[in-house]
C-alpha atoms as a PDB file:
ATOM      1  CA  MET A   1     -46.638  -7.575 -40.908  1.00  0.00           C
ATOM      2  CA  GLN A   2     -43.999  -5.201 -41.197  1.00  0.00           C
ATOM      3  CA  GLY A   3     -41.927  -5.069 -44.453  1.00  0.00           C
ATOM      4  CA  VAL A   4     -38.343  -6.572 -44.471  1.00  0.00           C
ATOM      5  CA  GLY A   5     -36.190  -3.314 -43.456  1.00  0.00           C
ATOM      6  CA  ARG A   6     -38.284  -0.837 -41.746  1.00  0.00           C
ATOM      7  CA  VAL A   7     -37.565   0.786 -38.973  1.00  0.00           C
ATOM      8  CA  THR A   8     -40.412   0.687 -35.758  1.00  0.00           C
ATOM      9  CA  ARG A   9     -38.689   3.310 -33.969  1.00  0.00           C
ATOM     10  CA  SER A  10     -36.423   6.069 -34.834  1.00  0.00           C
ATOM     11  CA  PRO A  11     -32.822   5.223 -35.101  1.00  0.00           C
ATOM     12  CA  ALA A  12     -30.271   6.676 -32.750  1.00  0.00           C
ATOM     13  CA  ILE A  13     -28.260   9.277 -34.147  1.00  0.00           C
ATOM     14  CA  ARG A  14     -24.755  10.480 -33.141  1.00  0.00           C
ATOM     15  CA  ALA A  15     -21.336  12.562 -34.225  1.00  0.00           C
ATOM     16  CA  GLN A  16     -19.707  10.139 -36.702  1.00  0.00           C
ATOM     17  CA  SER A  17     -16.286   9.109 -35.699  1.00  0.00           C
ATOM     18  CA  PRO A  18     -13.033   7.987 -37.575  1.00  0.00           C
ATOM     19  CA  GLN A  19     -13.983   4.288 -36.084  1.00  0.00           C
ATOM     20  CA  ASP A  20     -16.756   4.558 -38.218  1.00  0.00           C
ATOM     21  CA  ALA A  21     -15.168   4.971 -41.374  1.00  0.00           C
ATOM     22  CA  ALA A  22     -15.272   1.372 -42.325  1.00  0.00           C
ATOM     23  CA  ASP A  23     -18.887   0.875 -42.061  1.00  0.00           C
ATOM     24  CA  VAL A  24     -19.922   4.339 -43.947  1.00  0.00           C
ATOM     25  CA  ARG A  25     -17.822   3.602 -46.697  1.00  0.00           C
ATOM     26  CA  ARG A  26     -19.292   0.199 -47.146  1.00  0.00           C
ATOM     27  CA  LEU A  27     -22.974   2.438 -46.288  1.00  0.00           C
ATOM     28  CA  LEU A  28     -21.909   4.793 -49.335  1.00  0.00           C
ATOM     29  CA  ALA A  29     -20.480   2.277 -51.946  1.00  0.00           C
ATOM     30  CA  GLY A  30     -23.756   0.501 -51.893  1.00  0.00           C
ATOM     31  CA  ALA A  31     -26.201   3.889 -51.962  1.00  0.00           C
ATOM     32  CA  PHE A  32     -24.030   5.260 -54.292  1.00  0.00           C
ATOM     33  CA  ALA A  33     -23.087   2.167 -56.534  1.00  0.00           C
ATOM     34  CA  GLY A  34     -22.906   4.553 -59.571  1.00  0.00           C
ATOM     35  CA  GLU A  35     -21.287   7.225 -58.418  1.00  0.00           C
ATOM     36  CA  PRO A  36     -18.022   5.695 -56.684  1.00  0.00           C
ATOM     37  CA  GLU A  37     -16.567   9.315 -56.578  1.00  0.00           C
ATOM     38  CA  VAL A  38     -19.047  10.293 -53.732  1.00  0.00           C
ATOM     39  CA  VAL A  39     -16.794   7.359 -51.271  1.00  0.00           C
ATOM     40  CA  GLY A  40     -14.060   9.774 -52.044  1.00  0.00           C
ATOM     41  CA  LEU A  41     -15.632  12.954 -51.290  1.00  0.00           C
ATOM     42  CA  GLU A  42     -16.962  11.964 -47.714  1.00  0.00           C
ATOM     43  CA  GLU A  43     -13.492  10.269 -46.949  1.00  0.00           C
ATOM     44  CA  ALA A  44     -11.776  13.696 -47.884  1.00  0.00           C
ATOM     45  CA  LEU A  45     -15.009  15.908 -46.133  1.00  0.00           C
ATOM     46  CA  ALA A  46     -14.459  14.139 -42.838  1.00  0.00           C
ATOM     47  CA  GLN A  47     -10.899  15.216 -42.538  1.00  0.00           C
ATOM     48  CA  ARG A  48     -12.451  18.711 -42.979  1.00  0.00           C
ATOM     49  CA  ALA A  49     -12.602  20.915 -39.794  1.00  0.00           C
ATOM     50  CA  ASP A  50     -15.584  23.026 -40.951  1.00  0.00           C
ATOM     51  CA  SER A  51     -17.615  19.313 -41.948  1.00  0.00           C
ATOM     52  CA  HIS A  52     -19.840  17.758 -39.503  1.00  0.00           C
ATOM     53  CA  GLY A  53     -20.962  13.657 -40.231  1.00  0.00           C
ATOM     54  CA  PHE A  54     -23.598  12.097 -38.325  1.00  0.00           C
ATOM     55  CA  VAL A  55     -24.737   8.330 -38.070  1.00  0.00           C
ATOM     56  CA  ALA A  56     -28.160   6.488 -38.132  1.00  0.00           C
ATOM     57  CA  LEU A  57     -27.974   3.464 -36.064  1.00  0.00           C
ATOM     58  CA  VAL A  58     -30.474   0.397 -35.498  1.00  0.00           C
ATOM     59  CA  ASP A  59     -30.000  -2.436 -33.040  1.00  0.00           C
ATOM     60  CA  GLY A  60     -26.304  -0.759 -32.855  1.00  0.00           C
ATOM     61  CA  ALA A  61     -25.412  -1.166 -36.482  1.00  0.00           C
ATOM     62  CA  ILE A  62     -24.799   1.801 -38.780  1.00  0.00           C
ATOM     63  CA  VAL A  63     -27.809   2.235 -41.282  1.00  0.00           C
ATOM     64  CA  GLY A  64     -27.579   5.735 -42.505  1.00  0.00           C
ATOM     65  CA  GLN A  65     -25.005   8.740 -42.512  1.00  0.00           C
ATOM     66  CA  VAL A  66     -25.403  12.255 -43.578  1.00  0.00           C
ATOM     67  CA  ARG A  67     -22.795  15.255 -43.422  1.00  0.00           C
ATOM     68  CA  LEU A  68     -22.732  19.274 -42.999  1.00  0.00           C
ATOM     69  CA  THR A  69     -20.140  21.198 -44.967  1.00  0.00           C
ATOM     70  CA  ARG A  70     -19.484  25.016 -44.918  1.00  0.00           C
ATOM     71  CA  GLY A  71     -20.543  26.697 -47.738  1.00  0.00           C
ATOM     72  CA  TRP A  72     -20.860  30.237 -48.402  1.00  0.00           C
ATOM     73  CA  VAL A  73     -23.380  32.512 -50.254  1.00  0.00           C
ATOM     74  CA  ASP A  74     -21.909  35.329 -52.175  1.00  0.00           C
ATOM     75  CA  ALA A  75     -23.802  37.782 -51.228  1.00  0.00           C
ATOM     76  CA  PRO A  76     -23.840  41.200 -52.740  1.00  0.00           C
ATOM     77  CA  GLU A  77     -22.901  42.895 -49.069  1.00  0.00           C
ATOM     78  CA  ARG A  78     -20.577  39.981 -48.008  1.00  0.00           C
ATOM     79  CA  LEU A  79     -19.969  36.226 -47.954  1.00  0.00           C
ATOM     80  CA  VAL A  80     -22.425  34.683 -46.044  1.00  0.00           C
ATOM     81  CA  SER A  81     -21.370  31.310 -44.074  1.00  0.00           C
ATOM     82  CA  VAL A  82     -24.383  28.456 -44.824  1.00  0.00           C
ATOM     83  CA  LEU A  83     -23.909  24.770 -44.384  1.00  0.00           C
ATOM     84  CA  VAL A  84     -24.250  22.757 -47.140  1.00  0.00           C
ATOM     85  CA  LEU A  85     -26.038  18.446 -46.623  1.00  0.00           C
ATOM     86  CA  GLY A  86     -24.354  16.167 -48.267  1.00  0.00           C
ATOM     87  CA  PRO A  87     -23.640  13.323 -48.737  1.00  0.00           C
ATOM     88  CA  LEU A  88     -26.984  11.585 -47.151  1.00  0.00           C
ATOM     89  CA  SER A  89     -27.076   7.929 -47.644  1.00  0.00           C
ATOM     90  CA  VAL A  90     -29.434   4.753 -46.223  1.00  0.00           C
ATOM     91  CA  GLY A  91     -28.411   0.973 -46.172  1.00  0.00           C
ATOM     92  CA  SER A  92     -30.813  -0.872 -48.688  1.00  0.00           C
ATOM     93  CA  ASP A  93     -32.394  -2.898 -45.974  1.00  0.00           C
ATOM     94  CA  HIS A  94     -33.643   0.717 -44.418  1.00  0.00           C
ATOM     95  CA  ARG A  95     -34.859   2.899 -46.932  1.00  0.00           C
ATOM     96  CA  ARG A  96     -38.522   4.159 -47.128  1.00  0.00           C
ATOM     97  CA  SER A  97     -38.544   3.398 -43.145  1.00  0.00           C
ATOM     98  CA  GLY A  98     -37.916   7.009 -41.731  1.00  0.00           C
ATOM     99  CA  VAL A  99     -34.164   6.565 -41.351  1.00  0.00           C
ATOM    100  CA  GLY A 100     -33.346   9.544 -44.450  1.00  0.00           C
ATOM    101  CA  ARG A 101     -35.879  11.945 -43.132  1.00  0.00           C
ATOM    102  CA  SER A 102     -34.533  11.283 -39.283  1.00  0.00           C
ATOM    103  CA  LEU A 103     -31.324  12.311 -40.596  1.00  0.00           C
ATOM    104  CA  VAL A 104     -32.217  15.186 -42.501  1.00  0.00           C
ATOM    105  CA  SER A 105     -34.237  16.396 -39.740  1.00  0.00           C
ATOM    106  CA  PHE A 106     -31.146  15.811 -37.163  1.00  0.00           C
ATOM    107  CA  ALA A 107     -28.690  17.832 -39.592  1.00  0.00           C
ATOM    108  CA  VAL A 108     -31.197  20.803 -39.737  1.00  0.00           C
ATOM    109  CA  ALA A 109     -31.397  20.975 -36.006  1.00  0.00           C
ATOM    110  CA  GLU A 110     -27.628  20.513 -35.668  1.00  0.00           C
ATOM    111  CA  ALA A 111     -27.323  23.430 -38.529  1.00  0.00           C
ATOM    112  CA  GLU A 112     -29.716  25.652 -36.132  1.00  0.00           C
ATOM    113  CA  ARG A 113     -27.239  24.871 -33.134  1.00  0.00           C
ATOM    114  CA  LEU A 114     -24.483  26.054 -34.987  1.00  0.00           C
ATOM    115  CA  GLY A 115     -25.784  29.270 -35.765  1.00  0.00           C
ATOM    116  CA  ALA A 116     -25.749  28.658 -39.514  1.00  0.00           C
ATOM    117  CA  PRO A 117     -28.645  31.315 -41.238  1.00  0.00           C
ATOM    118  CA  ALA A 118     -29.079  28.156 -43.888  1.00  0.00           C
ATOM    119  CA  VAL A 119     -28.602  25.002 -45.154  1.00  0.00           C
ATOM    120  CA  LEU A 120     -28.585  23.858 -48.799  1.00  0.00           C
ATOM    121  CA  LEU A 121     -28.382  20.984 -50.968  1.00  0.00           C
ATOM    122  CA  GLU A 122     -28.615  19.579 -54.056  1.00  0.00           C
ATOM    123  CA  GLY A 123     -31.011  16.637 -54.476  1.00  0.00           C
ATOM    124  CA  ASP A 124     -34.530  15.179 -55.760  1.00  0.00           C
ATOM    125  CA  PRO A 125     -36.619  18.521 -55.283  1.00  0.00           C
ATOM    126  CA  GLY A 126     -39.617  15.825 -54.800  1.00  0.00           C
ATOM    127  CA  TYR A 127     -38.378  14.170 -51.912  1.00  0.00           C
ATOM    128  CA  TYR A 128     -36.993  17.085 -49.957  1.00  0.00           C
ATOM    129  CA  ALA A 129     -40.207  19.171 -50.452  1.00  0.00           C
ATOM    130  CA  ARG A 130     -41.872  16.449 -48.451  1.00  0.00           C
ATOM    131  CA  LEU A 131     -39.333  17.214 -45.986  1.00  0.00           C
ATOM    132  CA  GLY A 132     -40.113  20.750 -45.950  1.00  0.00           C
ATOM    133  CA  TRP A 133     -37.430  22.196 -48.133  1.00  0.00           C
ATOM    134  CA  ARG A 134     -37.833  24.646 -51.032  1.00  0.00           C
ATOM    135  CA  PRO A 135     -36.204  25.677 -54.290  1.00  0.00           C
ATOM    136  CA  ALA A 136     -33.335  28.009 -53.136  1.00  0.00           C
ATOM    137  CA  SER A 137     -34.476  30.072 -55.774  1.00  0.00           C
ATOM    138  CA  ASP A 138     -37.176  31.053 -53.299  1.00  0.00           C
ATOM    139  CA  PHE A 139     -34.495  33.020 -51.574  1.00  0.00           C
ATOM    140  CA  GLY A 140     -32.736  34.482 -54.256  1.00  0.00           C
ATOM    141  CA  ILE A 141     -29.750  31.813 -54.298  1.00  0.00           C
ATOM    142  CA  THR A 142     -28.587  30.237 -57.331  1.00  0.00           C
ATOM    143  CA  PRO A 143     -26.817  26.570 -57.687  1.00  0.00           C
ATOM    144  CA  PRO A 144     -22.824  26.751 -58.020  1.00  0.00           C
ATOM    145  CA  SER A 145     -22.547  25.171 -61.241  1.00  0.00           C
ATOM    146  CA  ASP A 146     -25.267  25.415 -64.222  1.00  0.00           C
ATOM    147  CA  ARG A 147     -24.950  21.427 -63.992  1.00  0.00           C
ATOM    148  CA  ILE A 148     -27.361  21.606 -61.189  1.00  0.00           C
ATOM    149  CA  PRO A 149     -31.184  21.968 -62.278  1.00  0.00           C
ATOM    150  CA  ALA A 150     -32.374  24.924 -60.579  1.00  0.00           C
ATOM    151  CA  PRO A 151     -34.772  22.716 -59.083  1.00  0.00           C
ATOM    152  CA  ALA A 152     -32.597  20.490 -57.433  1.00  0.00           C
ATOM    153  CA  CYS A 153     -31.042  23.344 -55.800  1.00  0.00           C
ATOM    154  CA  GLN A 154     -32.698  23.037 -52.291  1.00  0.00           C
ATOM    155  CA  ALA A 155     -32.569  25.348 -48.942  1.00  0.00           C
ATOM    156  CA  ILE A 156     -33.836  25.515 -45.539  1.00  0.00           C
ATOM    157  CA  ALA A 157     -34.150  29.347 -44.062  1.00  0.00           C
ATOM    158  CA  LEU A 158     -32.878  28.959 -40.453  1.00  0.00           C
ATOM    159  CA  PRO A 159     -33.894  31.745 -37.668  1.00  0.00           C
ATOM    160  CA  GLY A 160     -30.292  33.405 -38.508  1.00  0.00           C
ATOM    161  CA  TYR A 161     -31.189  34.074 -42.187  1.00  0.00           C
ATOM    162  CA  GLU A 162     -31.932  37.373 -43.600  1.00  0.00           C
ATOM    163  CA  PRO A 163     -33.813  38.089 -46.962  1.00  0.00           C
ATOM    164  CA  TRP A 164     -30.257  40.226 -47.788  1.00  0.00           C
ATOM    165  CA  MET A 165     -28.696  36.824 -48.131  1.00  0.00           C
ATOM    166  CA  ARG A 166     -29.029  36.444 -51.756  1.00  0.00           C
ATOM    167  CA  GLY A 167     -26.470  35.280 -54.203  1.00  0.00           C
ATOM    168  CA  ARG A 168     -24.852  32.162 -55.798  1.00  0.00           C
ATOM    169  CA  LEU A 169     -23.952  29.583 -53.066  1.00  0.00           C
ATOM    170  CA  VAL A 170     -20.253  28.657 -53.237  1.00  0.00           C
ATOM    171  CA  TYR A 171     -19.291  25.105 -52.657  1.00  0.00           C
ATOM    172  CA  ALA A 172     -15.920  24.136 -50.877  1.00  0.00           C
ATOM    173  CA  ASP A 173     -13.371  23.034 -52.956  1.00  0.00           C
ATOM    174  CA  THR A 174     -13.652  19.631 -51.866  1.00  0.00           C
ATOM    175  CA  PHE A 175     -16.692  19.187 -53.773  1.00  0.00           C
ATOM    176  CA  TRP A 176     -14.820  20.266 -56.452  1.00  0.00           C
ATOM    177  CA  GLU A 177     -11.740  18.028 -56.610  1.00  0.00           C
ATOM    178  CA  HIS A 178     -13.815  15.334 -56.317  1.00  0.00           C
ATOM    179  CA  ASP A 179     -16.199  16.319 -59.154  1.00  0.00           C
ATOM    180  CA  CYS A 180     -19.072  16.104 -57.151  1.00  0.00           C
ATOM    181  CA  VAL A 181     -20.785  19.382 -58.218  1.00  0.00           C
ATOM    182  CA  GLY A 182     -23.994  18.588 -60.379  1.00  0.00           C
ATOM    183  CA  LEU A 183     -24.399  15.995 -63.325  1.00  0.00           C
ATOM    184  CA  ARG A 184     -23.110  15.488 -66.560  1.00  0.00           C
ATOM    185  CA  GLY A 185     -24.008  14.615 -69.890  1.00  0.00           C
ATOM    186  CA  ALA A 186     -26.639  12.019 -70.472  1.00  0.00           C
ATOM    187  CA  ARG A 187     -27.825  11.447 -66.516  1.00  0.00           C
ATOM    188  CA  LEU A 188     -28.184  15.461 -66.444  1.00  0.00           C
ATOM    189  CA  ALA A 189     -30.401  15.763 -69.696  1.00  0.00           C
ATOM    190  CA  GLU A 190     -32.221  12.517 -68.505  1.00  0.00           C
ATOM    191  CA  VAL A 191     -32.726  15.373 -64.796  1.00  0.00           C
ATOM    192  CA  ASN A 192     -33.824  17.939 -66.777  1.00  0.00           C
ATOM    193  CA  GLU A 193     -36.240  15.951 -68.854  1.00  0.00           C
ATOM    194  CA  ALA A 194     -37.978  14.461 -65.836  1.00  0.00           C
ATOM    195  CA  LEU A 195     -38.073  18.360 -64.493  1.00  0.00           C
ATOM    196  CA  GLY A 196     -39.668  19.574 -67.280  1.00  0.00           C
ATOM    197  CA  LEU A 197     -36.428  21.678 -68.124  1.00  0.00           C
ATOM    198  CA  THR A 198     -35.813  20.754 -72.069  1.00  0.00           C
END
């Protein structure tokens, strides 16, 4: 017998539209209950021309969301335009059912279609490693803030990636305006300890 909320088929994924705003807000408010600033971040990113949101649907209902936004790698030769993945959220009834994996795969394929040489994110290295992500440090890319533990800055290189594309990741200003870069205080200490960085 399948567990409640388990998806038995791949969700449908499409571009996020302005009409999805209320559903996406509810989804993010539940997924990031302890981080209300993420709701404001998503709403602000949705207004950017260089940001692309996608939603996952099961039986016509939005059960997950992911966003790609332009960022840069400050390489010695020149700035390199890349895409930053986040936020990613899945409704509580559909977690551990493949929705998150489907959204991340879709976003990476979309990034490749858009010609980005790499996609980067900050997130749980245990989760993303299972999806094929590697520490950004493997590519010579450093996090945009010291408040992002190095193992949590993850990357996937796409066909346009070249080894010289190394340097500091630079987030779009919207992430900074909403204080959604890295962790602070006790939460940062907790994560550093869990990663064996203290």
